[in-house]
Amino acid sequence: MNETKLTIFYVMILSLLVVSTGCGSLSLKDDKPKEVILKAADVHPDNYPTTKSTKYLAELLEERSNGRIKLQLYPGGQLGEGKTIDDAMAEGIIDIDREGIDRYSKDVKMVQAFMMPYVFRDSAHEWKVLEGPIGDRLKEELKNNDKIVLAFYDSGMRSFYSKKPIHTPEDMKGMKFRTLSGDVFKNMLEIVNAEGMNLAYNDIYPGLQIGKIDGAENNIPSYLTAKHFEIAKYYTLDEHLAIPEILFISKQAWEKLSPDDQKLLLECGAEAGKYQRKLWAEFTQEGIEELKSQGVEFITPDKAAFRNEMNSLYQKYPDSLALIKEIQAVN
């Protein structure tokens, strides 16, 4: 039995012990308040902005419930990732998870529009959308997919970085980039006469070394921690993509909570979301300063020039076109 399975087994046994001693792991509706124990997972390490924020949520819940509600976080992928987490949530072993909304693009129709390049002008625009009526509709669609959103988390704006400077779309001509999988990103690069390649994340560094690719794209902290700056010294702040993350509780765990506990969880979740955005902004700024000290050149292009190239791309996705226009119209 591997370490992840052992940890999940241990968590499952703890849950059974809690139930057997008369303190249900979740307080039931129409019952007097009982101790609530919620279990959360995150693949990121203990000191990452998302894990720090979920721990902050745990502190808020315990404080405002006078110690009755406890949230236990298992960071660093202790409980696995992907399908392993999905299965554990379905079995009630894990109650809360944090994921990028791109994971649900096949099941939640709205997500496709959020994954379009340059649909957001900048981070401020992204958060106006998420905190407005469009964000509320996205939460409702996710709820219909058995995910109750407690908070949107920031994962930064993704930009291109490369071994030669990029100031305009024309500068990308003939270049090869590692991108996220999917036809959207392949089509995006074809429009600017570049080529998108599917490479595993760990293959980006050697791919840059041997010239298999000329660049890649990601947020600033990932560019730093993966050390891609050692080879690709130019980071162009085109900010073509933002993938919001959600902190959510499973529907089955949610429905076992009393109405008062549901309300408290949503209130504390909203505060944790704002705290995470603050931590992410600080995390990103620290990354910029470190990268500059390592000789990275940050390029601020005319983003409108890149965005204007994408009109033909949007036309390829008629089912998302109305929502794309609605998002772009938010001021």
C-alpha atoms as a PDB file:
ATOM      1  CA  MET A   1       0.000   0.000   0.000  1.00  0.00           C
ATOM      2  CA  ASN A   2       1.567   3.324  -1.086  1.00  0.00           C
ATOM      3  CA  GLU A   3       1.832   6.402   1.143  1.00  0.00           C
ATOM      4  CA  THR A   4      -1.220   8.153  -0.366  1.00  0.00           C
ATOM      5  CA  LYS A   5      -3.437   5.102   0.128  1.00  0.00           C
ATOM      6  CA  LEU A   6      -2.176   4.728   3.698  1.00  0.00           C
ATOM      7  CA  THR A   7      -3.036   8.350   4.445  1.00  0.00           C
ATOM      8  CA  ILE A   8      -6.532   7.992   2.953  1.00  0.00           C
ATOM      9  CA  PHE A   9      -7.023   4.762   4.963  1.00  0.00           C
ATOM     10  CA  TYR A  10      -5.931   6.594   8.119  1.00  0.00           C
ATOM     11  CA  VAL A  11      -8.354   9.464   7.442  1.00  0.00           C
ATOM     12  CA  MET A  12     -11.177   6.982   6.788  1.00  0.00           C
ATOM     13  CA  ILE A  13     -10.524   5.176  10.082  1.00  0.00           C
ATOM     14  CA  LEU A  14     -10.539   8.497  11.960  1.00  0.00           C
ATOM     15  CA  SER A  15     -13.885   9.363  10.384  1.00  0.00           C
ATOM     16  CA  LEU A  16     -15.360   6.045  11.485  1.00  0.00           C
ATOM     17  CA  LEU A  17     -14.033   6.524  15.020  1.00  0.00           C
ATOM     18  CA  VAL A  18     -15.637   9.965  15.229  1.00  0.00           C
ATOM     19  CA  VAL A  19     -18.990   8.540  14.157  1.00  0.00           C
ATOM     20  CA  SER A  20     -18.734   5.560  16.517  1.00  0.00           C
ATOM     21  CA  THR A  21     -18.124   7.807  19.516  1.00  0.00           C
ATOM     22  CA  GLY A  22     -21.342   9.688  18.906  1.00  0.00           C
ATOM     23  CA  CYS A  23     -19.929  12.872  17.374  1.00  0.00           C
ATOM     24  CA  GLY A  24     -20.918  12.768  13.734  1.00  0.00           C
ATOM     25  CA  SER A  25     -18.277  14.202  11.449  1.00  0.00           C
ATOM     26  CA  LEU A  26     -20.914  16.663  10.219  1.00  0.00           C
ATOM     27  CA  SER A  27     -23.716  18.293  12.175  1.00  0.00           C
ATOM     28  CA  LEU A  28     -27.104  17.129  10.905  1.00  0.00           C
ATOM     29  CA  LYS A  29     -29.984  19.409   9.994  1.00  0.00           C
ATOM     30  CA  ASP A  30     -32.755  19.729  12.572  1.00  0.00           C
ATOM     31  CA  ASP A  31     -30.473  18.402  15.301  1.00  0.00           C
ATOM     32  CA  LYS A  32     -28.805  20.177  18.179  1.00  0.00           C
ATOM     33  CA  PRO A  33     -25.359  21.507  17.281  1.00  0.00           C
ATOM     34  CA  LYS A  34     -22.713  18.812  17.258  1.00  0.00           C
ATOM     35  CA  GLU A  35     -19.015  18.865  16.638  1.00  0.00           C
ATOM     36  CA  VAL A  36     -18.281  19.241  12.934  1.00  0.00           C
ATOM     37  CA  ILE A  37     -15.075  17.823  11.479  1.00  0.00           C
ATOM     38  CA  LEU A  38     -14.369  18.696   7.854  1.00  0.00           C
ATOM     39  CA  LYS A  39     -11.446  17.246   5.929  1.00  0.00           C
ATOM     40  CA  ALA A  40      -9.772  19.222   3.137  1.00  0.00           C
ATOM     41  CA  ALA A  41      -7.112  18.325   0.574  1.00  0.00           C
ATOM     42  CA  ASP A  42      -4.638  20.342  -1.502  1.00  0.00           C
ATOM     43  CA  VAL A  43      -1.773  19.228  -3.724  1.00  0.00           C
ATOM     44  CA  HIS A  44       0.245  22.347  -2.940  1.00  0.00           C
ATOM     45  CA  PRO A  45       2.788  22.441  -0.065  1.00  0.00           C
ATOM     46  CA  ASP A  46       2.052  23.750   3.383  1.00  0.00           C
ATOM     47  CA  ASN A  47       3.390  27.274   2.763  1.00  0.00           C
ATOM     48  CA  TYR A  48       1.628  27.935  -0.567  1.00  0.00           C
ATOM     49  CA  PRO A  49      -1.009  30.742  -0.793  1.00  0.00           C
ATOM     50  CA  THR A  50      -3.886  28.301  -1.298  1.00  0.00           C
ATOM     51  CA  THR A  51      -2.966  26.085   1.647  1.00  0.00           C
ATOM     52  CA  LYS A  52      -2.315  29.094   3.887  1.00  0.00           C
ATOM     53  CA  SER A  53      -5.743  30.436   3.006  1.00  0.00           C
ATOM     54  CA  THR A  54      -7.529  27.159   3.677  1.00  0.00           C
ATOM     55  CA  LYS A  55      -5.778  27.033   7.054  1.00  0.00           C
ATOM     56  CA  TYR A  56      -7.048  30.571   7.623  1.00  0.00           C
ATOM     57  CA  LEU A  57     -10.549  29.284   6.842  1.00  0.00           C
ATOM     58  CA  ALA A  58     -10.028  26.605   9.493  1.00  0.00           C
ATOM     59  CA  GLU A  59      -9.057  29.261  12.041  1.00  0.00           C
ATOM     60  CA  LEU A  60     -12.109  31.381  11.251  1.00  0.00           C
ATOM     61  CA  LEU A  61     -14.488  28.433  11.523  1.00  0.00           C
ATOM     62  CA  GLU A  62     -13.072  27.240  14.836  1.00  0.00           C
ATOM     63  CA  GLU A  63     -13.068  30.742  16.306  1.00  0.00           C
ATOM     64  CA  ARG A  64     -16.600  31.682  15.220  1.00  0.00           C
ATOM     65  CA  SER A  65     -18.123  28.354  16.214  1.00  0.00           C
ATOM     66  CA  ASN A  66     -16.441  28.443  19.638  1.00  0.00           C
ATOM     67  CA  GLY A  67     -14.380  25.416  18.736  1.00  0.00           C
ATOM     68  CA  ARG A  68     -17.298  23.303  17.505  1.00  0.00           C
ATOM     69  CA  ILE A  69     -16.329  23.291  13.806  1.00  0.00           C
ATOM     70  CA  LYS A  70     -12.891  21.996  12.916  1.00  0.00           C
ATOM     71  CA  LEU A  71     -11.310  21.774   9.475  1.00  0.00           C
ATOM     72  CA  GLN A  72      -8.402  19.392   9.006  1.00  0.00           C
ATOM     73  CA  LEU A  73      -6.200  20.173   5.988  1.00  0.00           C
ATOM     74  CA  TYR A  74      -3.999  17.585   4.267  1.00  0.00           C
ATOM     75  CA  PRO A  75      -1.587  19.572   2.021  1.00  0.00           C
ATOM     76  CA  GLY A  76       1.205  18.446  -0.279  1.00  0.00           C
ATOM     77  CA  GLY A  77      -0.902  15.867  -2.095  1.00  0.00           C
ATOM     78  CA  GLN A  78      -1.038  13.604   0.974  1.00  0.00           C
ATOM     79  CA  LEU A  79      -4.444  12.329  -0.112  1.00  0.00           C
ATOM     80  CA  GLY A  80      -3.548  12.116  -3.797  1.00  0.00           C
ATOM     81  CA  GLU A  81      -4.785  14.239  -6.678  1.00  0.00           C
ATOM     82  CA  GLY A  82      -7.164  14.156  -9.614  1.00  0.00           C
ATOM     83  CA  LYS A  83      -9.369  11.073  -9.735  1.00  0.00           C
ATOM     84  CA  THR A  84      -8.069   9.854  -6.369  1.00  0.00           C
ATOM     85  CA  ILE A  85      -9.473  12.990  -4.740  1.00  0.00           C
ATOM     86  CA  ASP A  86     -12.721  12.736  -6.725  1.00  0.00           C
ATOM     87  CA  ASP A  87     -13.228   9.166  -5.517  1.00  0.00           C
ATOM     88  CA  ALA A  88     -12.389  10.076  -1.909  1.00  0.00           C
ATOM     89  CA  MET A  89     -14.933  12.920  -2.000  1.00  0.00           C
ATOM     90  CA  ALA A  90     -17.590  10.624  -3.464  1.00  0.00           C
ATOM     91  CA  GLU A  91     -16.956   8.208  -0.592  1.00  0.00           C
ATOM     92  CA  GLY A  92     -17.140  10.977   2.009  1.00  0.00           C
ATOM     93  CA  ILE A  93     -13.487  10.617   3.051  1.00  0.00           C
ATOM     94  CA  ILE A  94     -12.697  14.171   1.918  1.00  0.00           C
ATOM     95  CA  ASP A  95     -15.181  17.036   2.195  1.00  0.00           C
ATOM     96  CA  ILE A  96     -13.343  20.036   0.736  1.00  0.00           C
ATOM     97  CA  ASP A  97     -10.957  20.380  -2.206  1.00  0.00           C
ATOM     98  CA  ARG A  98      -9.244  23.118  -4.232  1.00  0.00           C
ATOM     99  CA  GLU A  99      -9.061  22.815  -8.014  1.00  0.00           C
ATOM    100  CA  GLY A 100      -8.733  24.932 -11.154  1.00  0.00           C
ATOM    101  CA  ILE A 101     -12.041  25.325 -12.979  1.00  0.00           C
ATOM    102  CA  ASP A 102     -10.434  23.964 -16.151  1.00  0.00           C
ATOM    103  CA  ARG A 103     -10.881  20.476 -14.662  1.00  0.00           C
ATOM    104  CA  TYR A 104     -14.627  20.837 -15.159  1.00  0.00           C
ATOM    105  CA  SER A 105     -14.734  22.215 -18.699  1.00  0.00           C
ATOM    106  CA  LYS A 106     -16.444  19.066 -20.016  1.00  0.00           C
ATOM    107  CA  ASP A 107     -19.178  19.052 -17.367  1.00  0.00           C
ATOM    108  CA  VAL A 108     -19.770  22.773 -16.803  1.00  0.00           C
ATOM    109  CA  LYS A 109     -20.615  24.577 -20.036  1.00  0.00           C
ATOM    110  CA  MET A 110     -19.634  28.069 -18.837  1.00  0.00           C
ATOM    111  CA  VAL A 111     -16.032  27.078 -18.151  1.00  0.00           C
ATOM    112  CA  GLN A 112     -15.140  26.991 -21.870  1.00  0.00           C
ATOM    113  CA  ALA A 113     -15.572  30.776 -22.167  1.00  0.00           C
ATOM    114  CA  PHE A 114     -13.345  31.343 -19.127  1.00  0.00           C
ATOM    115  CA  MET A 115     -10.601  29.324 -20.831  1.00  0.00           C
ATOM    116  CA  MET A 116     -10.479  31.551 -23.907  1.00  0.00           C
ATOM    117  CA  PRO A 117      -7.256  33.556 -24.461  1.00  0.00           C
ATOM    118  CA  TYR A 118      -7.480  37.265 -23.646  1.00  0.00           C
ATOM    119  CA  VAL A 119     -11.080  37.006 -22.439  1.00  0.00           C
ATOM    120  CA  PHE A 120      -9.910  38.972 -19.374  1.00  0.00           C
ATOM    121  CA  ARG A 121      -8.179  42.317 -19.893  1.00  0.00           C
ATOM    122  CA  ASP A 122      -6.261  41.978 -16.621  1.00  0.00           C
ATOM    123  CA  SER A 123      -6.572  40.640 -13.075  1.00  0.00           C
ATOM    124  CA  ALA A 124      -8.891  43.470 -11.961  1.00  0.00           C
ATOM    125  CA  HIS A 125     -11.270  42.641 -14.815  1.00  0.00           C
ATOM    126  CA  GLU A 126     -11.175  38.937 -13.933  1.00  0.00           C
ATOM    127  CA  TRP A 127     -12.257  39.635 -10.365  1.00  0.00           C
ATOM    128  CA  LYS A 128     -15.036  42.014 -11.393  1.00  0.00           C
ATOM    129  CA  VAL A 129     -16.425  39.153 -13.455  1.00  0.00           C
ATOM    130  CA  LEU A 130     -16.028  36.513 -10.733  1.00  0.00           C
ATOM    131  CA  GLU A 131     -17.551  38.716  -8.039  1.00  0.00           C
ATOM    132  CA  GLY A 132     -20.491  39.773 -10.206  1.00  0.00           C
ATOM    133  CA  PRO A 133     -23.549  38.108 -11.763  1.00  0.00           C
ATOM    134  CA  ILE A 134     -21.447  35.989 -14.137  1.00  0.00           C
ATOM    135  CA  GLY A 135     -19.502  34.558 -11.203  1.00  0.00           C
ATOM    136  CA  ASP A 136     -22.781  33.803  -9.415  1.00  0.00           C
ATOM    137  CA  ARG A 137     -24.018  31.881 -12.471  1.00  0.00           C
ATOM    138  CA  LEU A 138     -20.767  29.934 -12.599  1.00  0.00           C
ATOM    139  CA  LYS A 139     -21.214  28.988  -8.935  1.00  0.00           C
ATOM    140  CA  GLU A 140     -24.745  27.802  -9.709  1.00  0.00           C
ATOM    141  CA  GLU A 141     -23.553  25.625 -12.599  1.00  0.00           C
ATOM    142  CA  LEU A 142     -20.849  24.133 -10.385  1.00  0.00           C
ATOM    143  CA  LYS A 143     -23.468  23.510  -7.694  1.00  0.00           C
ATOM    144  CA  ASN A 144     -25.483  21.569 -10.261  1.00  0.00           C
ATOM    145  CA  ASN A 145     -22.302  19.528 -10.714  1.00  0.00           C
ATOM    146  CA  ASP A 146     -22.272  18.735  -6.959  1.00  0.00           C
ATOM    147  CA  LYS A 147     -19.664  21.368  -6.042  1.00  0.00           C
ATOM    148  CA  ILE A 148     -20.621  24.120  -3.603  1.00  0.00           C
ATOM    149  CA  VAL A 149     -18.146  26.971  -4.100  1.00  0.00           C
ATOM    150  CA  LEU A 150     -16.850  28.470  -0.852  1.00  0.00           C
ATOM    151  CA  ALA A 151     -14.370  30.827  -2.525  1.00  0.00           C
ATOM    152  CA  PHE A 152     -12.677  31.676  -5.775  1.00  0.00           C
ATOM    153  CA  TYR A 153      -8.903  31.514  -5.429  1.00  0.00           C
ATOM    154  CA  ASP A 154      -6.390  33.414  -7.569  1.00  0.00           C
ATOM    155  CA  SER A 155      -3.904  31.419  -9.658  1.00  0.00           C
ATOM    156  CA  GLY A 156      -2.464  34.429 -11.451  1.00  0.00           C
ATOM    157  CA  MET A 157      -2.345  35.591 -15.041  1.00  0.00           C
ATOM    158  CA  ARG A 158      -0.482  33.331 -17.450  1.00  0.00           C
ATOM    159  CA  SER A 159       1.967  34.919 -19.915  1.00  0.00           C
ATOM    160  CA  PHE A 160       4.512  33.757 -22.481  1.00  0.00           C
ATOM    161  CA  TYR A 161       8.211  33.436 -21.709  1.00  0.00           C
ATOM    162  CA  SER A 162      10.887  32.628 -24.232  1.00  0.00           C
ATOM    163  CA  LYS A 163      14.545  32.617 -25.241  1.00  0.00           C
ATOM    164  CA  LYS A 164      14.110  35.746 -27.348  1.00  0.00           C
ATOM    165  CA  PRO A 165      12.064  38.884 -26.609  1.00  0.00           C
ATOM    166  CA  ILE A 166       8.414  39.090 -27.684  1.00  0.00           C
ATOM    167  CA  HIS A 167       6.925  42.567 -28.034  1.00  0.00           C
ATOM    168  CA  THR A 168       4.240  41.958 -30.661  1.00  0.00           C
ATOM    169  CA  PRO A 169       2.301  38.984 -32.081  1.00  0.00           C
ATOM    170  CA  GLU A 170       4.571  39.153 -35.136  1.00  0.00           C
ATOM    171  CA  ASP A 171       7.571  38.338 -32.932  1.00  0.00           C
ATOM    172  CA  MET A 172       6.072  34.890 -32.258  1.00  0.00           C
ATOM    173  CA  LYS A 173       6.180  33.835 -35.898  1.00  0.00           C
ATOM    174  CA  GLY A 174       7.886  30.465 -36.364  1.00  0.00           C
ATOM    175  CA  MET A 175       8.365  29.880 -32.626  1.00  0.00           C
ATOM    176  CA  LYS A 176       7.405  26.703 -30.783  1.00  0.00           C
ATOM    177  CA  PHE A 177       5.757  26.915 -27.361  1.00  0.00           C
ATOM    178  CA  ARG A 178       4.721  24.398 -24.785  1.00  0.00           C
ATOM    179  CA  THR A 179       1.084  25.182 -23.986  1.00  0.00           C
ATOM    180  CA  LEU A 180      -1.802  23.679 -22.105  1.00  0.00           C
ATOM    181  CA  SER A 181      -3.456  20.816 -23.937  1.00  0.00           C
ATOM    182  CA  GLY A 182      -6.526  21.450 -26.043  1.00  0.00           C
ATOM    183  CA  ASP A 183      -7.376  22.795 -29.459  1.00  0.00           C
ATOM    184  CA  VAL A 184      -8.027  26.318 -28.135  1.00  0.00           C
ATOM    185  CA  PHE A 185      -4.342  26.885 -27.416  1.00  0.00           C
ATOM    186  CA  LYS A 186      -3.156  25.192 -30.579  1.00  0.00           C
ATOM    187  CA  ASN A 187      -5.495  27.423 -32.606  1.00  0.00           C
ATOM    188  CA  MET A 188      -4.395  30.513 -30.674  1.00  0.00           C
ATOM    189  CA  LEU A 189      -0.764  30.001 -31.666  1.00  0.00           C
ATOM    190  CA  GLU A 190      -1.601  29.147 -35.258  1.00  0.00           C
ATOM    191  CA  ILE A 191      -3.261  32.564 -35.566  1.00  0.00           C
ATOM    192  CA  VAL A 192       0.066  34.252 -34.748  1.00  0.00           C
ATOM    193  CA  ASN A 193       1.984  31.793 -36.977  1.00  0.00           C
ATOM    194  CA  ALA A 194       3.525  29.950 -34.046  1.00  0.00           C
ATOM    195  CA  GLU A 195       3.247  26.300 -33.006  1.00  0.00           C
ATOM    196  CA  GLY A 196       1.879  24.810 -29.800  1.00  0.00           C
ATOM    197  CA  MET A 197       3.381  21.609 -28.431  1.00  0.00           C
ATOM    198  CA  ASN A 198       2.120  19.233 -25.761  1.00  0.00           C
ATOM    199  CA  LEU A 199       4.888  18.458 -23.298  1.00  0.00           C
ATOM    200  CA  ALA A 200       4.706  17.152 -19.751  1.00  0.00           C
ATOM    201  CA  TYR A 201       5.468  19.897 -17.250  1.00  0.00           C
ATOM    202  CA  ASN A 202       8.724  18.265 -16.190  1.00  0.00           C
ATOM    203  CA  ASP A 203       9.835  18.107 -19.839  1.00  0.00           C
ATOM    204  CA  ILE A 204       9.719  21.887 -20.344  1.00  0.00           C
ATOM    205  CA  TYR A 205      13.176  22.575 -18.891  1.00  0.00           C
ATOM    206  CA  PRO A 206      15.022  19.986 -21.019  1.00  0.00           C
ATOM    207  CA  GLY A 207      12.853  20.988 -23.992  1.00  0.00           C
ATOM    208  CA  LEU A 208      14.117  24.552 -23.658  1.00  0.00           C
ATOM    209  CA  GLN A 209      17.687  23.296 -23.219  1.00  0.00           C
ATOM    210  CA  ILE A 210      17.813  21.261 -26.412  1.00  0.00           C
ATOM    211  CA  GLY A 211      15.768  23.684 -28.506  1.00  0.00           C
ATOM    212  CA  LYS A 212      12.725  21.465 -28.882  1.00  0.00           C
ATOM    213  CA  ILE A 213      10.685  24.495 -27.796  1.00  0.00           C
ATOM    214  CA  ASP A 214      11.479  28.198 -27.825  1.00  0.00           C
ATOM    215  CA  GLY A 215       9.285  29.069 -24.881  1.00  0.00           C
ATOM    216  CA  ALA A 216       6.297  28.235 -22.738  1.00  0.00           C
ATOM    217  CA  GLU A 217       3.637  30.041 -20.730  1.00  0.00           C
ATOM    218  CA  ASN A 218       2.614  30.142 -17.099  1.00  0.00           C
ATOM    219  CA  ASN A 219       2.162  32.442 -14.120  1.00  0.00           C
ATOM    220  CA  ILE A 220       5.157  34.154 -12.554  1.00  0.00           C
ATOM    221  CA  PRO A 221       5.565  31.927  -9.449  1.00  0.00           C
ATOM    222  CA  SER A 222       5.574  28.758 -11.583  1.00  0.00           C
ATOM    223  CA  TYR A 223       8.098  30.275 -14.006  1.00  0.00           C
ATOM    224  CA  LEU A 224      10.324  30.978 -11.001  1.00  0.00           C
ATOM    225  CA  THR A 225       9.988  27.730  -9.065  1.00  0.00           C
ATOM    226  CA  ALA A 226      10.472  25.554 -12.172  1.00  0.00           C
ATOM    227  CA  LYS A 227      13.658  27.548 -12.924  1.00  0.00           C
ATOM    228  CA  HIS A 228      12.684  28.017 -16.565  1.00  0.00           C
ATOM    229  CA  PHE A 229      14.123  31.537 -16.288  1.00  0.00           C
ATOM    230  CA  GLU A 230      17.591  29.985 -16.351  1.00  0.00           C
ATOM    231  CA  ILE A 231      17.131  29.355 -20.096  1.00  0.00           C
ATOM    232  CA  ALA A 232      14.172  31.525 -21.159  1.00  0.00           C
ATOM    233  CA  LYS A 233      15.123  34.990 -19.864  1.00  0.00           C
ATOM    234  CA  TYR A 234      12.279  37.006 -21.433  1.00  0.00           C
ATOM    235  CA  TYR A 235       8.857  37.165 -19.793  1.00  0.00           C
ATOM    236  CA  THR A 236       6.226  38.990 -21.877  1.00  0.00           C
ATOM    237  CA  LEU A 237       3.325  40.230 -19.756  1.00  0.00           C
ATOM    238  CA  ASP A 238       0.636  39.574 -22.362  1.00  0.00           C
ATOM    239  CA  GLU A 239      -1.559  37.987 -19.641  1.00  0.00           C
ATOM    240  CA  HIS A 240      -3.422  35.836 -22.135  1.00  0.00           C
ATOM    241  CA  LEU A 241      -5.088  33.510 -19.652  1.00  0.00           C
ATOM    242  CA  ALA A 242      -6.326  33.355 -16.078  1.00  0.00           C
ATOM    243  CA  ILE A 243      -7.691  30.085 -14.692  1.00  0.00           C
ATOM    244  CA  PRO A 244      -9.688  30.788 -11.519  1.00  0.00           C
ATOM    245  CA  GLU A 245      -9.514  28.148  -8.837  1.00  0.00           C
ATOM    246  CA  ILE A 246     -12.349  27.115  -6.562  1.00  0.00           C
ATOM    247  CA  LEU A 247     -12.368  26.012  -2.958  1.00  0.00           C
ATOM    248  CA  PHE A 248     -15.458  23.848  -2.723  1.00  0.00           C
ATOM    249  CA  ILE A 249     -17.305  21.386  -0.532  1.00  0.00           C
ATOM    250  CA  SER A 250     -19.002  18.307  -1.932  1.00  0.00           C
ATOM    251  CA  LYS A 251     -22.773  18.391  -2.171  1.00  0.00           C
ATOM    252  CA  GLN A 252     -23.164  15.361   0.088  1.00  0.00           C
ATOM    253  CA  ALA A 253     -21.074  16.981   2.839  1.00  0.00           C
ATOM    254  CA  TRP A 254     -22.906  20.287   2.377  1.00  0.00           C
ATOM    255  CA  GLU A 255     -26.344  18.732   2.755  1.00  0.00           C
ATOM    256  CA  LYS A 256     -25.378  17.180   6.099  1.00  0.00           C
ATOM    257  CA  LEU A 257     -24.644  20.615   7.554  1.00  0.00           C
ATOM    258  CA  SER A 258     -27.262  22.637   9.397  1.00  0.00           C
ATOM    259  CA  PRO A 259     -28.457  25.864   7.711  1.00  0.00           C
ATOM    260  CA  ASP A 260     -26.530  27.912  10.292  1.00  0.00           C
ATOM    261  CA  ASP A 261     -23.337  25.986   9.647  1.00  0.00           C
ATOM    262  CA  GLN A 262     -23.804  26.383   5.881  1.00  0.00           C
ATOM    263  CA  LYS A 263     -24.154  30.141   6.319  1.00  0.00           C
ATOM    264  CA  LEU A 264     -21.050  30.339   8.525  1.00  0.00           C
ATOM    265  CA  LEU A 265     -19.014  28.252   6.087  1.00  0.00           C
ATOM    266  CA  LEU A 266     -19.923  30.549   3.179  1.00  0.00           C
ATOM    267  CA  GLU A 267     -19.111  33.684   5.182  1.00  0.00           C
ATOM    268  CA  CYS A 268     -15.732  32.355   6.295  1.00  0.00           C
ATOM    269  CA  GLY A 269     -15.034  31.002   2.812  1.00  0.00           C
ATOM    270  CA  ALA A 270     -15.538  34.458   1.305  1.00  0.00           C
ATOM    271  CA  GLU A 271     -13.036  35.924   3.785  1.00  0.00           C
ATOM    272  CA  ALA A 272     -10.544  33.155   3.061  1.00  0.00           C
ATOM    273  CA  GLY A 273     -10.863  33.919  -0.653  1.00  0.00           C
ATOM    274  CA  LYS A 274      -9.984  37.589  -0.132  1.00  0.00           C
ATOM    275  CA  TYR A 275      -7.068  36.581   2.090  1.00  0.00           C
ATOM    276  CA  GLN A 276      -5.775  34.212  -0.621  1.00  0.00           C
ATOM    277  CA  ARG A 277      -5.823  36.985  -3.232  1.00  0.00           C
ATOM    278  CA  LYS A 278      -3.726  39.167  -0.919  1.00  0.00           C
ATOM    279  CA  LEU A 279      -1.246  36.337  -0.363  1.00  0.00           C
ATOM    280  CA  TRP A 280      -1.077  35.595  -4.085  1.00  0.00           C
ATOM    281  CA  ALA A 281      -0.342  39.245  -4.939  1.00  0.00           C
ATOM    282  CA  GLU A 282       2.501  39.268  -2.390  1.00  0.00           C
ATOM    283  CA  PHE A 283       3.756  35.888  -3.635  1.00  0.00           C
ATOM    284  CA  THR A 284       3.819  37.155  -7.225  1.00  0.00           C
ATOM    285  CA  GLN A 285       5.577  40.411  -6.357  1.00  0.00           C
ATOM    286  CA  GLU A 286       8.262  38.523  -4.442  1.00  0.00           C
ATOM    287  CA  GLY A 287       8.686  36.329  -7.519  1.00  0.00           C
ATOM    288  CA  ILE A 288       9.108  39.341  -9.808  1.00  0.00           C
ATOM    289  CA  GLU A 289      11.779  40.826  -7.580  1.00  0.00           C
ATOM    290  CA  GLU A 290      13.665  37.526  -7.413  1.00  0.00           C
ATOM    291  CA  LEU A 291      13.455  37.032 -11.181  1.00  0.00           C
ATOM    292  CA  LYS A 292      14.742  40.540 -11.862  1.00  0.00           C
ATOM    293  CA  SER A 293      17.710  39.810  -9.618  1.00  0.00           C
ATOM    294  CA  GLN A 294      18.352  36.731 -11.776  1.00  0.00           C
ATOM    295  CA  GLY A 295      18.513  38.824 -14.932  1.00  0.00           C
ATOM    296  CA  VAL A 296      15.015  38.226 -16.312  1.00  0.00           C
ATOM    297  CA  GLU A 297      13.677  40.947 -18.603  1.00  0.00           C
ATOM    298  CA  PHE A 298       9.988  41.704 -18.162  1.00  0.00           C
ATOM    299  CA  ILE A 299       8.339  43.036 -21.312  1.00  0.00           C
ATOM    300  CA  THR A 300       5.082  45.004 -21.204  1.00  0.00           C
ATOM    301  CA  PRO A 301       3.498  44.708 -24.659  1.00  0.00           C
ATOM    302  CA  ASP A 302       0.431  46.334 -26.170  1.00  0.00           C
ATOM    303  CA  LYS A 303      -2.036  43.683 -25.030  1.00  0.00           C
ATOM    304  CA  ALA A 304      -4.719  45.012 -27.381  1.00  0.00           C
ATOM    305  CA  ALA A 305      -2.575  43.936 -30.329  1.00  0.00           C
ATOM    306  CA  PHE A 306      -2.617  40.354 -29.073  1.00  0.00           C
ATOM    307  CA  ARG A 307      -6.280  40.451 -28.079  1.00  0.00           C
ATOM    308  CA  ASN A 308      -7.395  41.758 -31.475  1.00  0.00           C
ATOM    309  CA  GLU A 309      -5.834  38.725 -33.142  1.00  0.00           C
ATOM    310  CA  MET A 310      -8.246  36.417 -31.287  1.00  0.00           C
ATOM    311  CA  ASN A 311     -11.570  37.466 -32.856  1.00  0.00           C
ATOM    312  CA  SER A 312     -11.301  34.706 -35.465  1.00  0.00           C
ATOM    313  CA  LEU A 313     -10.536  32.186 -32.693  1.00  0.00           C
ATOM    314  CA  TYR A 314     -13.688  33.043 -30.756  1.00  0.00           C
ATOM    315  CA  GLN A 315     -15.797  32.442 -33.870  1.00  0.00           C
ATOM    316  CA  LYS A 316     -14.704  28.797 -33.800  1.00  0.00           C
ATOM    317  CA  TYR A 317     -16.621  28.321 -30.519  1.00  0.00           C
ATOM    318  CA  PRO A 318     -20.155  29.586 -31.211  1.00  0.00           C
ATOM    319  CA  ASP A 319     -21.580  28.010 -28.038  1.00  0.00           C
ATOM    320  CA  SER A 320     -19.282  30.225 -25.942  1.00  0.00           C
ATOM    321  CA  LEU A 321     -19.430  33.375 -28.038  1.00  0.00           C
ATOM    322  CA  ALA A 322     -22.285  35.110 -26.184  1.00  0.00           C
ATOM    323  CA  LEU A 323     -20.628  34.571 -22.798  1.00  0.00           C
ATOM    324  CA  ILE A 324     -17.230  35.704 -24.137  1.00  0.00           C
ATOM    325  CA  LYS A 325     -18.813  38.979 -25.250  1.00  0.00           C
ATOM    326  CA  GLU A 326     -20.627  39.336 -21.923  1.00  0.00           C
ATOM    327  CA  ILE A 327     -17.387  38.833 -19.984  1.00  0.00           C
ATOM    328  CA  GLN A 328     -15.501  41.301 -22.164  1.00  0.00           C
ATOM    329  CA  ALA A 329     -18.260  43.907 -21.701  1.00  0.00           C
ATOM    330  CA  VAL A 330     -17.814  43.962 -17.905  1.00  0.00           C
ATOM    331  CA  ASN A 331     -16.208  47.263 -16.830  1.00  0.00           C
END
